[in-house]
Protein backbone atom coordinates (compact mmCIF):
# COMPACT_ATOMS: atom_id res chain seq x y z
CA MET A 1 -3.43 29.81 -4.42
CA ALA A 2 -6.79 28.02 -5.19
CA ASP A 3 -5.90 27.48 -8.76
CA GLU A 4 -2.59 25.80 -8.01
CA LEU A 5 -4.16 23.64 -5.26
CA THR A 6 -7.00 22.71 -7.56
CA ARG A 7 -4.54 21.77 -10.29
CA ILE A 8 -2.49 19.64 -7.90
CA ALA A 9 -5.73 18.03 -6.50
CA GLU A 10 -6.82 17.17 -10.11
CA GLU A 11 -3.52 15.62 -10.89
CA SER A 12 -3.48 13.66 -7.58
CA ALA A 13 -7.05 12.51 -8.14
CA ARG A 14 -6.24 11.25 -11.65
CA GLY A 15 -3.11 9.53 -10.49
CA GLY A 16 -4.90 8.16 -7.55
CA PHE A 17 -7.73 6.82 -9.65
CA PHE A 18 -5.46 4.93 -12.05
CA LEU A 19 -3.35 3.65 -9.06
CA ILE A 20 -6.43 2.52 -7.16
CA SER A 21 -8.15 0.95 -10.12
CA GLY A 22 -5.02 -0.90 -11.30
CA THR A 23 -4.24 -1.99 -7.75
CA ALA A 24 -7.86 -3.13 -7.15
CA ILE A 25 -7.93 -5.26 -10.29
CA ALA A 26 -4.48 -6.73 -9.47
CA THR A 27 -5.40 -7.24 -5.85
CA ILE A 28 -8.59 -9.05 -6.78
CA VAL A 29 -6.75 -11.33 -9.19
CA MET A 30 -4.03 -12.07 -6.61
CA ALA A 31 -6.61 -12.47 -3.82
CA VAL A 32 -8.45 -15.05 -5.85
CA ALA A 33 -5.14 -16.77 -6.70
CA SER A 34 -4.09 -16.80 -3.10
CA ILE A 35 -7.36 -18.12 -1.95
CA LEU A 36 -7.26 -20.98 -4.50
CA ILE A 37 -3.64 -21.77 -3.70
CA ALA A 38 -4.53 -21.75 -0.02
CA ARG A 39 -7.40 -24.11 -0.57
CA PHE A 40 -5.32 -26.46 -2.76
CA LEU A 41 -2.22 -26.54 -0.56
CA GLY A 42 -3.94 -26.44 2.87
CA PRO A 43 -2.82 -24.58 5.93
CA GLU A 44 0.60 -26.42 6.46
CA LEU A 45 1.88 -26.22 2.84
CA TYR A 46 0.49 -22.67 2.58
CA GLY A 47 2.45 -21.89 5.62
CA GLN A 48 5.64 -23.31 3.89
CA TYR A 49 4.92 -21.23 0.81
CA THR A 50 4.69 -18.08 2.93
CA LEU A 51 7.96 -18.84 4.75
CA ALA A 52 9.75 -19.60 1.56
CA LEU A 53 9.19 -16.02 0.36
CA VAL A 54 10.47 -14.48 3.66
CA VAL A 55 14.21 -14.43 2.74
CA PRO A 56 13.88 -13.08 -0.81
CA GLN A 57 11.43 -10.43 0.36
CA LEU A 58 13.79 -9.44 3.21
CA LEU A 59 16.77 -9.24 0.94
CA PHE A 60 14.93 -7.43 -1.76
CA LEU A 61 14.72 -4.52 0.66
CA PHE A 62 18.34 -3.91 0.24
CA THR A 63 18.05 -3.28 -3.37
CA ASP A 64 15.98 -0.05 -3.07
CA LEU A 65 18.71 2.40 -1.80
CA GLY A 66 15.93 4.98 -1.52
CA ILE A 67 15.96 5.32 -5.26
CA ASN A 68 12.32 4.59 -6.13
CA GLN A 69 10.87 7.42 -4.06
CA GLY A 70 13.74 9.70 -5.22
CA ILE A 71 12.76 8.94 -8.89
CA THR A 72 9.14 9.75 -8.05
CA LYS A 73 9.95 12.98 -6.29
CA PHE A 74 12.52 14.39 -8.66
CA THR A 75 10.83 13.42 -11.97
CA ALA A 76 7.86 15.35 -10.57
CA ASN A 77 10.02 18.28 -9.61
CA PHE A 78 11.75 18.34 -12.99
CA ARG A 79 8.53 18.13 -14.91
CA VAL A 80 7.33 21.34 -13.11
CA LYS A 81 10.69 23.00 -14.17
CA ASN A 82 10.47 21.42 -17.73
CA GLU A 83 13.97 19.87 -17.25
CA THR A 84 13.21 16.86 -19.32
CA THR A 85 16.81 15.79 -19.79
CA ARG A 86 17.44 15.49 -16.09
CA ILE A 87 14.32 13.27 -15.97
CA ARG A 88 15.85 10.85 -18.28
CA ARG A 89 19.16 10.75 -16.46
CA VAL A 90 17.56 10.31 -13.11
CA ILE A 91 15.51 7.34 -14.45
CA LYS A 92 18.39 5.79 -16.44
CA TYR A 93 21.05 5.85 -13.71
CA GLY A 94 18.54 5.03 -10.99
CA LEU A 95 17.50 1.95 -12.91
CA MET A 96 21.00 0.89 -13.55
CA LEU A 97 22.10 1.28 -9.90
CA ARG A 98 19.10 -0.79 -8.73
CA ALA A 99 19.70 -3.47 -11.39
CA PHE A 100 23.33 -3.96 -10.23
CA THR A 101 22.31 -4.09 -6.62
CA GLY A 102 19.61 -6.67 -7.55
CA ILE A 103 22.06 -8.97 -9.21
CA ALA A 104 24.41 -8.85 -6.06
CA ILE A 105 21.47 -9.56 -3.69
CA PHE A 106 20.28 -12.47 -5.87
CA ALA A 107 23.74 -14.00 -5.76
CA ILE A 108 23.73 -13.69 -1.94
CA ASN A 109 20.28 -15.20 -1.60
CA TYR A 110 21.05 -18.10 -3.91
CA ALA A 111 24.44 -18.97 -2.47
CA LEU A 112 23.25 -18.85 1.27
CA ALA A 113 19.88 -20.37 0.92
CA ASP A 114 20.70 -23.39 3.09
CA SER A 115 21.91 -21.19 5.87
CA PHE A 116 18.89 -18.89 5.77
CA ALA A 117 16.47 -21.90 5.77
CA SER A 118 18.20 -23.56 8.74
CA ILE A 119 19.14 -20.62 10.88
CA LEU A 120 16.57 -17.91 10.15
CA LEU A 121 13.51 -20.05 9.48
CA GLN A 122 14.52 -23.08 11.37
CA ARG A 123 13.31 -25.15 8.47
CA PRO A 124 16.12 -26.68 6.35
CA ASP A 125 13.90 -28.34 4.00
CA LEU A 126 12.76 -25.01 2.53
CA ALA A 127 16.20 -24.14 0.99
CA PHE A 128 15.22 -25.39 -2.41
CA TYR A 129 12.11 -23.23 -2.42
CA ILE A 130 14.17 -20.18 -1.28
CA ARG A 131 16.50 -20.59 -4.22
CA ILE A 132 13.59 -20.55 -6.70
CA ALA A 133 12.05 -17.47 -5.05
CA ALA A 134 15.39 -15.69 -5.19
CA ILE A 135 15.17 -15.33 -8.96
CA SER A 136 12.30 -12.91 -8.43
CA ILE A 137 14.60 -10.23 -7.12
CA LEU A 138 16.30 -9.67 -10.53
CA PHE A 139 12.94 -8.79 -12.09
CA GLN A 140 11.30 -7.13 -9.23
CA VAL A 141 13.84 -4.32 -9.14
CA ILE A 142 13.09 -3.41 -12.84
CA PHE A 143 9.45 -3.70 -12.21
CA THR A 144 9.18 -1.45 -9.12
CA THR A 145 11.61 1.18 -10.52
CA ALA A 146 9.60 1.49 -13.76
CA ASN A 147 6.46 1.96 -11.77
CA SER A 148 8.03 4.82 -9.58
CA ALA A 149 9.04 6.56 -12.75
CA PHE A 150 5.57 6.27 -14.10
CA VAL A 151 4.09 7.91 -10.93
CA GLY A 152 6.53 10.81 -11.12
CA LEU A 153 5.81 11.36 -14.84
CA ASP A 154 2.02 11.46 -14.16
CA LYS A 155 1.66 8.33 -16.27
CA THR A 156 0.01 6.17 -13.66
CA GLU A 157 -2.13 4.35 -16.15
CA PHE A 158 1.06 2.47 -17.16
CA SER A 159 1.82 1.71 -13.59
CA ALA A 160 -1.66 0.12 -13.30
CA LEU A 161 -1.19 -1.76 -16.55
CA THR A 162 2.13 -3.39 -15.53
CA THR A 163 0.79 -4.13 -12.01
CA ASN A 164 -2.09 -6.03 -13.57
CA ILE A 165 0.12 -7.85 -15.92
CA GLN A 166 2.17 -8.97 -13.03
CA ALA A 167 -0.87 -10.10 -11.05
CA ILE A 168 -2.39 -12.07 -14.14
CA ALA A 169 0.82 -13.74 -14.98
CA LYS A 170 1.57 -14.78 -11.31
CA ALA A 171 -2.00 -16.06 -10.83
CA THR A 172 -2.21 -18.03 -14.09
CA VAL A 173 1.12 -19.82 -13.78
CA SER A 174 0.95 -20.40 -9.97
CA ILE A 175 -2.53 -21.99 -10.09
CA GLY A 176 -1.68 -23.96 -13.20
CA LEU A 177 1.48 -25.46 -11.71
CA VAL A 178 -0.18 -26.22 -8.50
CA LEU A 179 -3.05 -28.06 -10.19
CA LEU A 180 -0.41 -30.01 -12.24
CA GLY A 181 1.01 -31.37 -8.96
CA PHE A 182 4.07 -29.09 -8.49
CA SER A 183 2.68 -28.04 -5.08
CA VAL A 184 4.79 -25.28 -3.30
CA ALA A 185 7.48 -25.25 -5.98
CA GLY A 186 4.79 -24.54 -8.61
CA ALA A 187 3.24 -21.71 -6.46
CA ILE A 188 6.70 -20.06 -6.04
CA THR A 189 7.62 -20.51 -9.68
CA GLY A 190 4.42 -18.52 -10.58
CA TYR A 191 5.45 -15.88 -8.24
CA VAL A 192 8.79 -15.53 -10.06
CA ILE A 193 7.25 -15.50 -13.64
CA GLY A 194 4.76 -12.81 -12.74
CA TYR A 195 7.64 -10.36 -11.98
CA PHE A 196 9.56 -11.42 -15.09
CA VAL A 197 6.66 -10.69 -17.48
CA ALA A 198 5.83 -7.47 -15.72
CA ALA A 199 9.46 -6.24 -15.83
CA ILE A 200 9.78 -6.75 -19.54
CA ALA A 201 6.47 -4.87 -20.16
CA GLY A 202 7.44 -2.07 -17.79
CA ILE A 203 10.82 -1.29 -19.13
CA ALA A 204 9.53 -1.37 -22.65
CA ILE A 205 6.70 1.21 -22.04
CA LEU A 206 9.10 3.30 -19.96
CA LEU A 207 11.72 3.49 -22.76
CA ILE A 208 8.86 4.79 -25.11
CA VAL A 209 7.43 7.32 -22.58
CA VAL A 210 10.92 8.78 -21.68
CA ARG A 211 11.88 9.09 -25.33
CA GLU A 212 8.67 11.07 -26.08
CA LYS A 213 9.46 13.40 -23.21
CA THR A 214 13.08 14.14 -23.86
CA ASN A 215 14.11 17.35 -25.71
CA LYS A 216 17.48 18.90 -26.52
CA GLN A 217 17.54 20.85 -23.29
CA HIS A 218 20.58 20.29 -21.04
CA GLY A 219 21.00 21.10 -17.49
CA GLY A 220 23.02 20.09 -14.44
CA ASN A 221 25.29 17.02 -14.75
CA VAL A 222 25.16 13.27 -13.91
CA SER A 223 27.15 13.46 -10.78
CA ASN A 224 25.08 16.24 -9.21
CA ASP A 225 21.83 14.48 -10.02
CA LEU A 226 22.98 11.22 -8.45
CA LYS A 227 24.25 13.15 -5.35
CA ILE A 228 20.85 14.74 -4.97
CA ILE A 229 19.04 11.33 -5.25
CA ILE A 230 21.45 9.55 -2.89
CA ARG A 231 21.35 12.35 -0.34
CA TYR A 232 17.55 12.32 -0.49
CA GLY A 233 17.27 8.49 -0.56
CA THR A 234 19.81 7.47 2.12
CA PRO A 235 17.41 8.20 5.13
CA LEU A 236 14.55 6.63 3.06
CA TYR A 237 16.66 3.62 2.27
CA ILE A 238 17.19 2.95 5.99
CA SER A 239 13.50 3.69 6.63
CA ILE A 240 12.44 1.32 3.92
CA LEU A 241 14.73 -1.40 5.34
CA LEU A 242 13.17 -0.91 8.77
CA THR A 243 9.66 -0.78 7.52
CA GLY A 244 10.11 -3.69 5.14
CA PHE A 245 11.75 -5.73 7.83
CA ILE A 246 8.71 -5.61 9.93
CA PRO A 247 6.60 -8.32 8.18
CA ILE A 248 9.69 -10.42 7.66
CA TYR A 249 10.56 -10.13 11.35
CA GLN A 250 7.04 -10.97 12.25
CA ASN A 251 7.12 -14.15 10.24
CA VAL A 252 10.41 -15.11 11.90
CA VAL A 253 8.85 -14.57 15.30
CA LEU A 254 5.85 -16.62 14.28
CA ALA A 255 8.12 -19.36 13.00
CA ILE A 256 9.77 -19.54 16.49
CA PHE A 257 6.69 -19.25 18.69
CA THR A 258 3.75 -20.57 16.68
CA THR A 259 2.81 -23.51 14.44
CA ASP A 260 2.65 -23.65 10.61
CA ALA A 261 -1.21 -23.71 10.92
CA ASP A 262 -1.09 -20.43 13.04
CA ILE A 263 1.06 -18.92 10.28
CA GLY A 264 -1.35 -20.01 7.65
CA ASN A 265 -4.29 -18.51 9.42
CA TYR A 266 -2.37 -15.25 9.96
CA LYS A 267 -1.38 -15.10 6.30
CA ALA A 268 -5.05 -15.76 5.34
CA ALA A 269 -5.94 -12.66 7.45
CA VAL A 270 -3.26 -10.57 6.04
CA ASN A 271 -4.54 -11.42 2.57
CA PHE A 272 -7.69 -9.52 3.35
CA ILE A 273 -5.63 -6.51 4.55
CA SER A 274 -4.61 -6.24 0.88
CA LEU A 275 -8.13 -4.90 0.41
CA MET A 276 -6.97 -1.93 2.42
CA THR A 277 -3.78 -1.57 0.43
CA VAL A 278 -5.85 -1.20 -2.74
CA LEU A 279 -6.71 2.22 -1.30
CA THR A 280 -3.85 3.08 1.03
CA VAL A 281 -0.87 2.40 -1.14
CA PRO A 282 -2.23 4.41 -4.32
CA ILE A 283 -3.21 7.26 -1.95
CA THR A 284 0.22 7.63 -0.35
CA THR A 285 1.88 7.14 -3.77
CA ALA A 286 -0.17 9.78 -5.44
CA LEU A 287 0.42 12.29 -2.56
CA LEU A 288 4.19 12.08 -2.74
CA PRO A 289 4.49 13.92 -6.09
CA ALA A 290 1.70 16.33 -4.99
CA PHE A 291 3.70 17.37 -1.90
CA SER A 292 6.87 17.54 -4.06
CA LYS A 293 5.17 20.05 -6.37
CA LEU A 294 4.16 22.12 -3.34
CA ASN A 295 7.73 22.10 -1.98
CA SER A 296 8.45 25.57 -3.20
CA SER A 297 5.05 27.04 -2.49
CA SER A 298 3.83 29.09 0.50
CA ALA A 299 3.45 27.30 3.95
CA GLN A 300 -0.22 28.26 3.81
CA LYS A 301 -0.76 26.26 0.65
CA LEU A 302 1.06 23.28 2.13
CA ARG A 303 -0.97 23.36 5.34
CA THR A 304 -4.23 23.63 3.42
CA PHE A 305 -3.37 20.75 1.08
CA TYR A 306 -2.24 18.59 3.99
CA LYS A 307 -5.56 19.29 5.86
CA LEU A 308 -7.65 18.38 2.82
CA ALA A 309 -5.58 15.30 1.96
CA ASN A 310 -5.84 13.92 5.48
CA LYS A 311 -9.54 14.62 5.64
CA TYR A 312 -10.44 12.86 2.41
CA THR A 313 -8.06 9.99 3.09
CA THR A 314 -9.95 9.37 6.38
CA ILE A 315 -13.33 9.71 4.66
CA ILE A 316 -12.21 6.80 2.29
CA ILE A 317 -10.36 4.55 4.73
CA ILE A 318 -12.50 4.53 7.90
CA PRO A 319 -15.73 3.07 6.44
CA VAL A 320 -13.86 0.23 4.78
CA THR A 321 -12.17 -0.40 8.00
CA PHE A 322 -15.50 -0.70 9.78
CA LEU A 323 -16.89 -3.05 7.18
CA LEU A 324 -13.95 -5.33 7.43
CA ILE A 325 -14.21 -5.44 11.24
CA ILE A 326 -17.95 -6.02 11.18
CA PHE A 327 -18.01 -8.82 8.51
CA SER A 328 -14.63 -10.47 9.33
CA LYS A 329 -16.00 -13.77 10.41
CA GLU A 330 -18.37 -13.97 7.41
CA ILE A 331 -15.78 -13.00 4.88
CA VAL A 332 -13.20 -15.57 6.12
CA GLN A 333 -15.71 -18.37 6.18
CA ILE A 334 -17.12 -17.48 2.74
CA ILE A 335 -13.72 -17.37 1.13
CA TYR A 336 -11.54 -19.88 3.02
CA GLY A 337 -14.12 -22.13 4.72
CA SER A 338 -14.08 -23.43 8.32
CA THR A 339 -10.57 -24.71 8.10
CA TYR A 340 -9.09 -21.28 8.84
CA ASP A 341 -10.74 -20.93 12.27
CA SER A 342 -8.56 -18.14 13.61
CA ALA A 343 -8.18 -15.97 10.64
CA SER A 344 -11.32 -13.87 11.38
CA LEU A 345 -10.08 -12.83 14.81
CA PHE A 346 -6.65 -11.91 13.46
CA LEU A 347 -8.29 -9.79 10.71
CA THR A 348 -10.52 -7.91 13.10
CA THR A 349 -7.57 -7.02 15.46
CA TYR A 350 -5.19 -6.13 12.44
CA CYS A 351 -7.82 -3.68 11.13
CA LEU A 352 -7.56 -1.49 14.25
CA LEU A 353 -4.41 -0.14 12.70
CA TYR A 354 -6.36 1.88 10.15
CA LEU A 355 -8.23 3.72 12.81
CA LEU A 356 -5.03 5.83 13.09
CA VAL A 357 -5.61 7.25 9.62
CA GLY A 358 -7.27 10.45 11.09
CA LEU A 359 -4.01 11.24 12.93
CA GLY A 360 -2.12 11.19 9.72
CA TYR A 361 -0.96 7.56 9.70
CA LEU A 362 -1.07 7.46 5.91
CA VAL A 363 -0.49 11.13 4.90
CA LEU A 364 2.47 12.10 7.18
CA PRO A 365 5.06 9.91 5.42
CA SER A 366 4.11 11.39 2.00
CA LEU A 367 4.26 14.91 3.46
CA TYR A 368 7.80 14.47 4.78
CA ASN A 369 9.05 12.58 1.80
CA GLY A 370 7.53 15.13 -0.63
CA LEU A 371 9.23 18.06 1.33
CA GLY A 372 12.59 16.18 1.35
CA GLU A 373 12.39 15.81 5.15
CA THR A 374 13.38 12.20 4.83
CA LYS A 375 15.15 12.16 8.22
CA THR A 376 11.85 12.57 9.96
CA THR A 377 10.45 9.56 8.06
CA LEU A 378 13.50 7.67 9.25
CA ARG A 379 12.94 8.67 12.84
CA MET A 380 9.35 7.45 12.62
CA SER A 381 10.44 4.12 11.22
CA LEU A 382 13.09 3.73 13.90
CA ILE A 383 10.37 4.31 16.58
CA THR A 384 8.04 1.73 15.07
CA SER A 385 10.90 -0.87 14.60
CA ILE A 386 12.38 -0.58 18.03
CA ILE A 387 9.07 -0.85 19.83
CA LEU A 388 8.16 -3.75 17.53
CA ALA A 389 11.41 -5.55 18.03
CA VAL A 390 11.05 -5.40 21.78
CA LEU A 391 7.41 -6.23 22.14
CA SER A 392 6.87 -8.85 19.45
CA PRO A 393 8.73 -11.78 20.98
CA ILE A 394 7.41 -11.05 24.40
CA LEU A 395 3.73 -10.67 23.41
CA THR A 396 3.92 -13.51 20.81
CA LYS A 397 5.37 -15.99 23.18
CA THR A 398 2.47 -15.14 25.73
CA TYR A 399 -0.38 -14.51 23.42
CA SER A 400 0.53 -16.13 20.19
CA VAL A 401 -0.52 -14.37 16.87
CA GLN A 402 -2.76 -11.85 18.77
CA GLY A 403 0.32 -10.74 20.82
CA LEU A 404 2.22 -10.11 17.57
CA ILE A 405 -0.61 -7.89 16.17
CA ALA A 406 -0.76 -6.02 19.36
CA ALA A 407 2.87 -5.16 19.29
CA PHE A 408 2.41 -3.95 15.75
CA LEU A 409 -0.53 -1.73 16.75
CA VAL A 410 1.31 -0.15 19.70
CA ALA A 411 4.53 0.55 17.55
CA ASN A 412 2.54 2.25 14.82
CA THR A 413 0.49 4.31 17.21
CA VAL A 414 3.52 5.78 18.95
CA SER A 415 5.30 6.55 15.70
CA THR A 416 2.25 8.28 14.12
CA LEU A 417 1.80 10.43 17.23
CA TYR A 418 5.50 11.42 16.99
CA GLY A 419 5.18 12.34 13.30
CA LEU A 420 2.06 14.37 13.99
CA GLN A 421 3.81 16.31 16.85
CA ILE A 422 6.70 17.22 14.53
CA ALA A 423 4.33 18.34 11.85
CA ARG A 424 2.56 20.60 14.29
CA LYS A 425 5.74 22.04 15.75
CA ASN A 426 7.77 22.57 12.53
CA LEU A 427 5.06 23.05 9.93
CA GLN A 428 2.20 24.35 12.03
CA VAL A 429 0.00 21.72 10.47
CA LYS A 430 -3.40 21.35 12.15
CA LEU A 431 -5.91 18.53 11.91
CA ALA A 432 -9.57 19.28 10.82
CA THR A 433 -10.57 17.94 14.33
CA GLY A 434 -14.31 18.63 14.12
CA GLU A 435 -14.67 17.14 10.59
CA LEU A 436 -12.55 14.10 11.54
CA LEU A 437 -14.73 13.40 14.61
CA LYS A 438 -17.78 13.49 12.35
CA ILE A 439 -16.18 10.96 10.04
CA TYR A 440 -15.60 8.52 12.93
CA LEU A 441 -19.15 9.21 14.28
CA ASN A 442 -20.73 8.69 10.90
CA SER A 443 -18.80 5.40 10.43
CA THR A 444 -20.01 4.17 13.88
CA VAL A 445 -23.66 5.05 13.29
CA SER A 446 -23.63 3.62 9.80
CA SER A 447 -22.77 0.30 11.49
CA ILE A 448 -26.17 -0.06 13.07
CA PRO A 449 -28.13 -1.31 9.94
CA ALA A 450 -25.17 -3.66 9.08
CA LEU A 451 -25.18 -5.23 12.62
CA ILE A 452 -28.93 -5.56 12.52
CA VAL A 453 -28.66 -7.52 9.28
CA LEU A 454 -25.73 -9.52 10.59
CA TYR A 455 -27.34 -10.62 13.81
CA PHE A 456 -31.15 -10.64 13.27
CA TRP A 457 -31.57 -11.69 9.62
CA ASN A 458 -31.37 -15.37 8.86
CA SER A 459 -29.92 -15.70 5.43
CA PRO A 460 -26.82 -17.14 3.68
CA GLN A 461 -23.55 -15.52 4.72
CA LEU A 462 -22.83 -14.16 1.35
CA LEU A 463 -26.18 -12.49 0.91
CA LYS A 464 -26.02 -11.12 4.49
CA THR A 465 -22.63 -9.66 3.83
CA ILE A 466 -23.59 -7.98 0.58
CA ILE A 467 -26.90 -6.52 2.02
CA GLY A 468 -25.17 -5.45 5.28
CA GLY A 469 -22.40 -3.81 3.29
CA VAL A 470 -24.74 -1.92 0.92
CA ALA A 471 -26.82 -0.73 3.84
CA TYR A 472 -23.67 0.48 5.68
CA LEU A 473 -22.25 2.33 2.66
CA PHE A 474 -25.68 3.99 1.77
CA LEU A 475 -26.18 5.37 5.30
CA TYR A 476 -22.57 6.57 5.33
CA ILE A 477 -22.81 8.39 2.03
CA THR A 478 -26.05 9.90 3.26
CA LEU A 479 -24.67 11.06 6.62
CA THR A 480 -21.53 12.73 5.24
CA PRO A 481 -23.35 15.71 3.58
CA VAL A 482 -26.28 15.73 6.18
CA THR A 483 -23.79 16.23 9.01
CA ARG A 484 -21.78 18.78 7.02
CA THR A 485 -18.76 16.65 7.15
CA VAL A 486 -18.22 17.78 3.62
CA ALA A 487 -19.39 21.24 2.44
CA LEU A 488 -21.48 21.88 -0.71
CA ILE A 489 -18.44 23.69 -2.32
CA GLU A 490 -16.33 20.62 -1.70
CA ILE A 491 -18.80 18.44 -3.40
CA GLU A 492 -18.97 20.72 -6.24
CA LYS A 493 -15.28 20.81 -6.68
CA ALA A 494 -15.13 17.00 -6.61
CA LEU A 495 -17.77 16.93 -9.45
CA ASN A 496 -15.49 19.11 -11.46
CA ILE A 497 -12.45 16.91 -10.90
CA THR A 498 -14.33 13.80 -11.74
CA ARG A 499 -15.52 15.26 -15.13
CA LYS A 500 -11.73 15.16 -16.06
CA ILE A 501 -11.40 11.47 -15.35
CA PRO A 502 -13.70 9.76 -17.79
CA PHE A 503 -13.45 6.26 -16.50
CA PHE A 504 -14.09 7.43 -12.83
CA ALA A 505 -16.97 9.74 -13.58
CA PRO A 506 -19.73 7.10 -14.03
CA ILE A 507 -18.98 5.67 -10.64
CA ALA A 508 -18.43 8.86 -8.64
CA ARG A 509 -20.86 11.22 -10.31
CA PRO A 510 -24.16 9.62 -9.11
CA ILE A 511 -22.91 9.41 -5.61
CA LEU A 512 -21.69 13.10 -5.67
CA LEU A 513 -24.95 14.27 -7.21
CA TYR A 514 -26.93 12.60 -4.51
CA GLN A 515 -24.78 14.12 -1.81
CA GLN A 516 -25.09 17.54 -3.57
CA ARG A 517 -28.88 17.39 -3.23
CA LEU A 518 -28.66 16.48 0.41
CA ALA A 519 -26.12 19.33 1.07
CA ASN A 520 -28.51 21.81 -0.45
CA VAL A 521 -31.12 20.83 2.06
CA ARG A 522 -31.27 22.88 5.27
CA PHE A 523 -31.87 20.54 8.25
């Protein structure tokens, strides 16, 4: 049991490293681009840019059909069984189906742009921008499908590569066109070109990878493979529609009850949340094939892996959450300046969402999707969407943007608690309660030096943020082994895993060796 769990942990760590590193670089590039574009356009035009992408992003959700996660799950399953011919079929027909859907959705978006702008956004002058943005749908379907295949094939380095290509192309073209005077239209054109370049690169690499992995083995047939994917993907498709509809619905509610400046401030705050997605999205993405590989294993293996995955996800996410909350005002003022006066408050409130990670907020969906229990994922999404749909207009009308964020927090809390209850009842999953409490306590105590630096040391904001952040992380890294939040054997296993990820080892190894020495000390 230990050997299989170790192997899966190593594969997940490798996949997670490339996804995190690739996403981190891309996020930094896009964050810098977003900051520059926000500065060049100002809150009002930046708000228009944000709203112009609402319709294409909403309609893009209808192109998924649950295929992307199906490709990731079944390519991982077929790799374990060495059924390489079925891998190729799943990827080929999944990509074709998504491409046809993408063309249809693009046509609808382009033809009805005037109606969407007038009725949905209540801003008829945005129709031209919506038509430009609609073109991105054609290339985004190819880009995202290729990346899903890379994850299932354990070739996450190529997912990282294409993600970086998309970010760099988007940033370069968008900034260039805005500086040349094309304003909102230039920013949106860069958004489209980024996906175009990444789609071409992704499909070219995928063709090479799949060709290398295909042998003469035959098994199953096309219709059966498609039925399996569609049966698996249908609940996920509805779930993805509901989940993806949330930010779009939020933007519509904001458009009705708030000003363009409020929307610009909210968007600026959400841009910083992308720092969290650098960690959260790769983690949940890497865990999906991991749970898929454990689908046929014993229940005890599954429970053990879930417990470890949830614990280490919490160890990573909680300190980052605390740092964003503590330094939200300084971060916003450093990056955006005083013009975005409300963004720091929105950022602080939004970050409270990630305090749910210890309850399984990030790991539960990967668990259910990996096991094929996509109906449970759908029910969780339904709970979130219904609560959000009811509370958002009421709270936003009364409390503006803060009310919208509050509705989002309540909805996700209820759905996470539901998902956890189902896991306990049906899978006998248990949380590492004592260890999780230590993580939250360590994170809280580590805030003390950061707060001292923040409030009692007179220095430039940038220096104060850097020193406070380093002090926080050093104390947190120290407390983790001292409080026995992680055991010595866990640190040693982590060291063994990092040795097999050459690019990651120079970063993680010094930290783990320091923690190993502390763990050897008896306090």
